[in-house]
């Protein structure tokens, strides 16, 4: 009988351990799906500096990593927008495809115009009121101020809105 109790305790221990490991993995997966896929930045200025750096290096992959990725858009950005619900009910994949195409055109265009020019970040500001959605905010009317090697400053409106989630920042899009 003593041996039977040991076996029951051992079986219970194995089941409990399996349950803890499984629930831990499931919990991580769910929390990750509601967060960022690629690393966000901690301020609008950091985001602006990173954009200017990518332009100077003519690095389209880095520009792309600075914006909301497909999984983020479909998991938690798009469902918060009114167009995702009735009466519009636009599918997320359709909205992503349109935005992604415009972003790809914009990134190429801005690298062609400003890439490799040794520009300096001066400022980033937002000319429109922020919009608050479920789980994030949008900073709108983005204006990026740069300085060229001659010291001339230029304000560019090449960036779309900035998404803020948990005090972390990413571009929603690039203008085409």
C-alpha atoms as a PDB file:
ATOM      1  CA  UNK A   1       0.000   0.000   0.000  1.00  0.00           C
ATOM      2  CA  UNK A   2       2.901   2.325   0.699  1.00  0.00           C
ATOM      3  CA  UNK A   3       4.183   1.686  -2.831  1.00  0.00           C
ATOM      4  CA  UNK A   4       0.770   2.566  -4.281  1.00  0.00           C
ATOM      5  CA  UNK A   5       0.778   5.929  -2.522  1.00  0.00           C
ATOM      6  CA  UNK A   6       4.247   6.697  -3.898  1.00  0.00           C
ATOM      7  CA  UNK A   7       3.043   5.877  -7.402  1.00  0.00           C
ATOM      8  CA  UNK A   8      -0.031   8.120  -6.994  1.00  0.00           C
ATOM      9  CA  UNK A   9       2.097  10.994  -5.703  1.00  0.00           C
ATOM     10  CA  UNK A  10       4.603  10.504  -8.530  1.00  0.00           C
ATOM     11  CA  UNK A  11       1.813  10.435 -11.148  1.00  0.00           C
ATOM     12  CA  UNK A  12       0.250  13.542  -9.608  1.00  0.00           C
ATOM     13  CA  UNK A  13       3.652  15.283  -9.635  1.00  0.00           C
ATOM     14  CA  UNK A  14       4.185  14.458 -13.346  1.00  0.00           C
ATOM     15  CA  UNK A  15       0.689  15.674 -14.278  1.00  0.00           C
ATOM     16  CA  UNK A  16       1.082  18.867 -12.269  1.00  0.00           C
ATOM     17  CA  UNK A  17       4.512  19.597 -13.783  1.00  0.00           C
ATOM     18  CA  UNK A  18       3.165  18.994 -17.285  1.00  0.00           C
ATOM     19  CA  UNK A  19       0.227  21.309 -16.586  1.00  0.00           C
ATOM     20  CA  UNK A  20       2.523  24.110 -15.330  1.00  0.00           C
ATOM     21  CA  UNK A  21       4.866  23.812 -18.301  1.00  0.00           C
ATOM     22  CA  UNK A  22       1.984  23.743 -20.805  1.00  0.00           C
ATOM     23  CA  UNK A  23       0.130  26.664 -19.222  1.00  0.00           C
ATOM     24  CA  UNK A  24       3.355  28.679 -19.147  1.00  0.00           C
ATOM     25  CA  UNK A  25       3.936  28.112 -22.844  1.00  0.00           C
ATOM     26  CA  UNK A  26       0.355  28.890 -23.773  1.00  0.00           C
ATOM     27  CA  UNK A  27       0.414  32.064 -21.676  1.00  0.00           C
ATOM     28  CA  UNK A  28       3.621  33.259 -23.367  1.00  0.00           C
ATOM     29  CA  UNK A  29       2.189  32.631 -26.798  1.00  0.00           C
ATOM     30  CA  UNK A  30      -0.953  34.625 -26.107  1.00  0.00           C
ATOM     31  CA  UNK A  31       0.837  37.605 -24.579  1.00  0.00           C
ATOM     32  CA  UNK A  32       3.309  37.707 -27.449  1.00  0.00           C
ATOM     33  CA  UNK A  33       0.528  37.797 -30.053  1.00  0.00           C
ATOM     34  CA  UNK A  34      -0.913  40.954 -28.470  1.00  0.00           C
ATOM     35  CA  UNK A  35       2.435  42.767 -28.400  1.00  0.00           C
ATOM     36  CA  UNK A  36       5.159  43.826 -30.785  1.00  0.00           C
ATOM     37  CA  UNK A  37       6.700  41.447 -33.325  1.00  0.00           C
ATOM     38  CA  UNK A  38       9.804  43.556 -33.959  1.00  0.00           C
ATOM     39  CA  UNK A  39      11.453  45.780 -31.369  1.00  0.00           C
ATOM     40  CA  UNK A  40       9.699  49.132 -30.805  1.00  0.00           C
ATOM     41  CA  UNK A  41      11.522  52.244 -29.627  1.00  0.00           C
ATOM     42  CA  UNK A  42      11.070  54.174 -26.393  1.00  0.00           C
ATOM     43  CA  UNK A  43      10.349  57.686 -27.705  1.00  0.00           C
ATOM     44  CA  UNK A  44       9.315  59.526 -30.847  1.00  0.00           C
ATOM     45  CA  UNK A  45      12.825  61.019 -31.015  1.00  0.00           C
ATOM     46  CA  UNK A  46      14.412  57.542 -31.013  1.00  0.00           C
ATOM     47  CA  UNK A  47      12.064  56.589 -33.835  1.00  0.00           C
ATOM     48  CA  UNK A  48      12.978  59.721 -35.816  1.00  0.00           C
ATOM     49  CA  UNK A  49      16.702  59.127 -35.295  1.00  0.00           C
ATOM     50  CA  UNK A  50      16.307  55.510 -36.450  1.00  0.00           C
ATOM     51  CA  UNK A  51      14.443  56.617 -39.607  1.00  0.00           C
ATOM     52  CA  UNK A  52      17.168  59.152 -40.452  1.00  0.00           C
ATOM     53  CA  UNK A  53      19.870  56.555 -39.827  1.00  0.00           C
ATOM     54  CA  UNK A  54      18.145  54.072 -42.145  1.00  0.00           C
ATOM     55  CA  UNK A  55      17.784  56.753 -44.826  1.00  0.00           C
ATOM     56  CA  UNK A  56      21.455  57.718 -44.527  1.00  0.00           C
ATOM     57  CA  UNK A  57      22.452  54.056 -44.865  1.00  0.00           C
ATOM     58  CA  UNK A  58      19.843  53.502 -47.620  1.00  0.00           C
ATOM     59  CA  UNK A  59      18.621  50.523 -45.627  1.00  0.00           C
ATOM     60  CA  UNK A  60      15.066  49.637 -46.629  1.00  0.00           C
ATOM     61  CA  UNK A  61      15.016  46.565 -44.351  1.00  0.00           C
ATOM     62  CA  UNK A  62      15.666  48.766 -41.320  1.00  0.00           C
ATOM     63  CA  UNK A  63      12.966  51.223 -42.417  1.00  0.00           C
ATOM     64  CA  UNK A  64      10.585  48.280 -42.665  1.00  0.00           C
ATOM     65  CA  UNK A  65      11.429  47.022 -39.145  1.00  0.00           C
ATOM     66  CA  UNK A  66      10.547  50.444 -37.715  1.00  0.00           C
ATOM     67  CA  UNK A  67       6.915  50.073 -38.733  1.00  0.00           C
ATOM     68  CA  UNK A  68       4.062  47.901 -37.545  1.00  0.00           C
ATOM     69  CA  UNK A  69       4.387  44.389 -38.954  1.00  0.00           C
ATOM     70  CA  UNK A  70       1.614  42.291 -40.482  1.00  0.00           C
ATOM     71  CA  UNK A  71       0.994  40.197 -37.348  1.00  0.00           C
ATOM     72  CA  UNK A  72       0.742  43.295 -35.144  1.00  0.00           C
ATOM     73  CA  UNK A  73      -1.567  44.998 -37.610  1.00  0.00           C
ATOM     74  CA  UNK A  74      -3.911  42.020 -37.941  1.00  0.00           C
ATOM     75  CA  UNK A  75      -3.848  40.985 -34.253  1.00  0.00           C
ATOM     76  CA  UNK A  76      -4.483  44.259 -32.465  1.00  0.00           C
ATOM     77  CA  UNK A  77      -4.238  47.383 -34.653  1.00  0.00           C
ATOM     78  CA  UNK A  78      -6.831  46.641 -37.343  1.00  0.00           C
ATOM     79  CA  UNK A  79      -9.507  45.198 -35.013  1.00  0.00           C
ATOM     80  CA  UNK A  80      -9.498  48.503 -33.067  1.00  0.00           C
ATOM     81  CA  UNK A  81     -10.289  50.587 -36.178  1.00  0.00           C
ATOM     82  CA  UNK A  82     -13.970  51.260 -36.932  1.00  0.00           C
ATOM     83  CA  UNK A  83     -13.571  50.124 -40.583  1.00  0.00           C
ATOM     84  CA  UNK A  84     -12.911  46.585 -39.328  1.00  0.00           C
ATOM     85  CA  UNK A  85     -16.447  46.335 -37.926  1.00  0.00           C
ATOM     86  CA  UNK A  86     -19.954  46.687 -39.376  1.00  0.00           C
ATOM     87  CA  UNK A  87     -21.162  48.374 -41.466  1.00  0.00           C
ATOM     88  CA  UNK A  88     -17.813  48.564 -43.328  1.00  0.00           C
ATOM     89  CA  UNK A  89     -16.368  45.210 -42.252  1.00  0.00           C
ATOM     90  CA  UNK A  90     -13.246  45.568 -44.408  1.00  0.00           C
ATOM     91  CA  UNK A  91     -11.090  42.440 -44.063  1.00  0.00           C
ATOM     92  CA  UNK A  92      -7.790  42.920 -42.244  1.00  0.00           C
ATOM     93  CA  UNK A  93      -5.821  41.242 -45.019  1.00  0.00           C
ATOM     94  CA  UNK A  94      -7.261  43.696 -47.543  1.00  0.00           C
ATOM     95  CA  UNK A  95      -6.376  46.689 -45.334  1.00  0.00           C
ATOM     96  CA  UNK A  96      -2.876  45.314 -44.679  1.00  0.00           C
ATOM     97  CA  UNK A  97      -2.242  44.669 -48.373  1.00  0.00           C
ATOM     98  CA  UNK A  98      -3.193  48.243 -49.301  1.00  0.00           C
ATOM     99  CA  UNK A  99      -1.144  49.812 -46.522  1.00  0.00           C
ATOM    100  CA  UNK A 100       1.818  47.519 -47.126  1.00  0.00           C
ATOM    101  CA  UNK A 101       1.893  48.351 -50.851  1.00  0.00           C
ATOM    102  CA  UNK A 102       1.841  52.078 -50.093  1.00  0.00           C
ATOM    103  CA  UNK A 103       4.585  51.648 -47.484  1.00  0.00           C
ATOM    104  CA  UNK A 104       6.815  49.741 -49.888  1.00  0.00           C
ATOM    105  CA  UNK A 105       6.366  52.456 -52.524  1.00  0.00           C
ATOM    106  CA  UNK A 106       7.036  55.156 -49.912  1.00  0.00           C
ATOM    107  CA  UNK A 107      10.159  53.534 -48.465  1.00  0.00           C
ATOM    108  CA  UNK A 108      11.708  53.193 -51.925  1.00  0.00           C
ATOM    109  CA  UNK A 109      10.702  56.732 -52.851  1.00  0.00           C
ATOM    110  CA  UNK A 110      12.167  58.283 -49.686  1.00  0.00           C
ATOM    111  CA  UNK A 111      15.417  56.334 -49.968  1.00  0.00           C
ATOM    112  CA  UNK A 112      15.723  57.547 -53.575  1.00  0.00           C
ATOM    113  CA  UNK A 113      15.117  61.162 -52.476  1.00  0.00           C
ATOM    114  CA  UNK A 114      17.001  61.306 -49.168  1.00  0.00           C
ATOM    115  CA  UNK A 115      19.133  58.180 -48.943  1.00  0.00           C
ATOM    116  CA  UNK A 116      22.880  58.507 -48.437  1.00  0.00           C
ATOM    117  CA  UNK A 117      22.799  62.300 -47.891  1.00  0.00           C
ATOM    118  CA  UNK A 118      24.276  62.318 -44.367  1.00  0.00           C
ATOM    119  CA  UNK A 119      21.223  63.976 -42.856  1.00  0.00           C
ATOM    120  CA  UNK A 120      20.858  64.771 -39.168  1.00  0.00           C
ATOM    121  CA  UNK A 121      17.744  64.325 -37.084  1.00  0.00           C
ATOM    122  CA  UNK A 122      16.473  67.606 -35.623  1.00  0.00           C
ATOM    123  CA  UNK A 123      12.921  66.962 -34.418  1.00  0.00           C
ATOM    124  CA  UNK A 124       9.739  64.965 -34.805  1.00  0.00           C
ATOM    125  CA  UNK A 125       6.358  66.464 -34.025  1.00  0.00           C
ATOM    126  CA  UNK A 126       2.697  65.707 -34.573  1.00  0.00           C
ATOM    127  CA  UNK A 127       0.373  68.326 -36.064  1.00  0.00           C
ATOM    128  CA  UNK A 128      -2.934  66.557 -35.442  1.00  0.00           C
ATOM    129  CA  UNK A 129      -4.595  65.460 -32.200  1.00  0.00           C
ATOM    130  CA  UNK A 130      -3.795  61.956 -31.065  1.00  0.00           C
ATOM    131  CA  UNK A 131      -6.478  59.274 -31.396  1.00  0.00           C
ATOM    132  CA  UNK A 132      -6.985  56.756 -28.649  1.00  0.00           C
ATOM    133  CA  UNK A 133      -7.977  53.193 -29.486  1.00  0.00           C
ATOM    134  CA  UNK A 134      -8.388  50.048 -27.434  1.00  0.00           C
ATOM    135  CA  UNK A 135      -4.847  49.235 -26.286  1.00  0.00           C
ATOM    136  CA  UNK A 136      -2.903  51.915 -28.167  1.00  0.00           C
ATOM    137  CA  UNK A 137      -2.793  55.522 -29.356  1.00  0.00           C
ATOM    138  CA  UNK A 138      -2.051  57.037 -32.754  1.00  0.00           C
ATOM    139  CA  UNK A 139       0.108  60.150 -32.994  1.00  0.00           C
ATOM    140  CA  UNK A 140      -0.995  61.780 -36.236  1.00  0.00           C
ATOM    141  CA  UNK A 141       0.256  64.390 -38.678  1.00  0.00           C
ATOM    142  CA  UNK A 142       3.892  63.360 -38.322  1.00  0.00           C
ATOM    143  CA  UNK A 143       6.498  65.951 -39.339  1.00  0.00           C
ATOM    144  CA  UNK A 144      10.163  64.948 -39.381  1.00  0.00           C
ATOM    145  CA  UNK A 145      12.692  67.809 -39.325  1.00  0.00           C
ATOM    146  CA  UNK A 146      16.129  67.071 -40.769  1.00  0.00           C
ATOM    147  CA  UNK A 147      19.296  69.039 -41.339  1.00  0.00           C
ATOM    148  CA  UNK A 148      21.602  68.562 -44.321  1.00  0.00           C
ATOM    149  CA  UNK A 149      25.407  68.912 -44.326  1.00  0.00           C
ATOM    150  CA  UNK A 150      25.106  72.623 -45.273  1.00  0.00           C
ATOM    151  CA  UNK A 151      23.106  73.230 -42.073  1.00  0.00           C
ATOM    152  CA  UNK A 152      19.791  73.754 -43.862  1.00  0.00           C
ATOM    153  CA  UNK A 153      16.731  72.387 -42.104  1.00  0.00           C
ATOM    154  CA  UNK A 154      13.868  70.757 -43.923  1.00  0.00           C
ATOM    155  CA  UNK A 155      10.510  69.523 -42.669  1.00  0.00           C
ATOM    156  CA  UNK A 156       9.368  66.275 -44.240  1.00  0.00           C
ATOM    157  CA  UNK A 157       5.924  64.714 -44.178  1.00  0.00           C
ATOM    158  CA  UNK A 158       7.037  61.276 -45.317  1.00  0.00           C
ATOM    159  CA  UNK A 159       5.867  59.284 -42.305  1.00  0.00           C
ATOM    160  CA  UNK A 160       2.394  58.097 -41.450  1.00  0.00           C
ATOM    161  CA  UNK A 161       1.010  57.983 -37.935  1.00  0.00           C
ATOM    162  CA  UNK A 162       3.011  56.634 -35.013  1.00  0.00           C
ATOM    163  CA  UNK A 163       1.549  53.838 -32.890  1.00  0.00           C
ATOM    164  CA  UNK A 164       2.132  54.054 -29.131  1.00  0.00           C
ATOM    165  CA  UNK A 165       1.561  50.907 -27.078  1.00  0.00           C
ATOM    166  CA  UNK A 166       2.825  50.567 -23.504  1.00  0.00           C
ATOM    167  CA  UNK A 167       4.977  53.700 -23.956  1.00  0.00           C
ATOM    168  CA  UNK A 168       6.744  52.133 -26.946  1.00  0.00           C
ATOM    169  CA  UNK A 169       6.703  53.571 -30.465  1.00  0.00           C
ATOM    170  CA  UNK A 170       6.507  52.293 -34.024  1.00  0.00           C
ATOM    171  CA  UNK A 171       5.471  53.791 -37.321  1.00  0.00           C
ATOM    172  CA  UNK A 172       2.129  52.692 -38.654  1.00  0.00           C
ATOM    173  CA  UNK A 173       3.190  53.480 -42.210  1.00  0.00           C
ATOM    174  CA  UNK A 174       5.258  55.510 -44.649  1.00  0.00           C
ATOM    175  CA  UNK A 175       3.544  57.904 -47.032  1.00  0.00           C
ATOM    176  CA  UNK A 176       3.747  57.000 -50.705  1.00  0.00           C
END
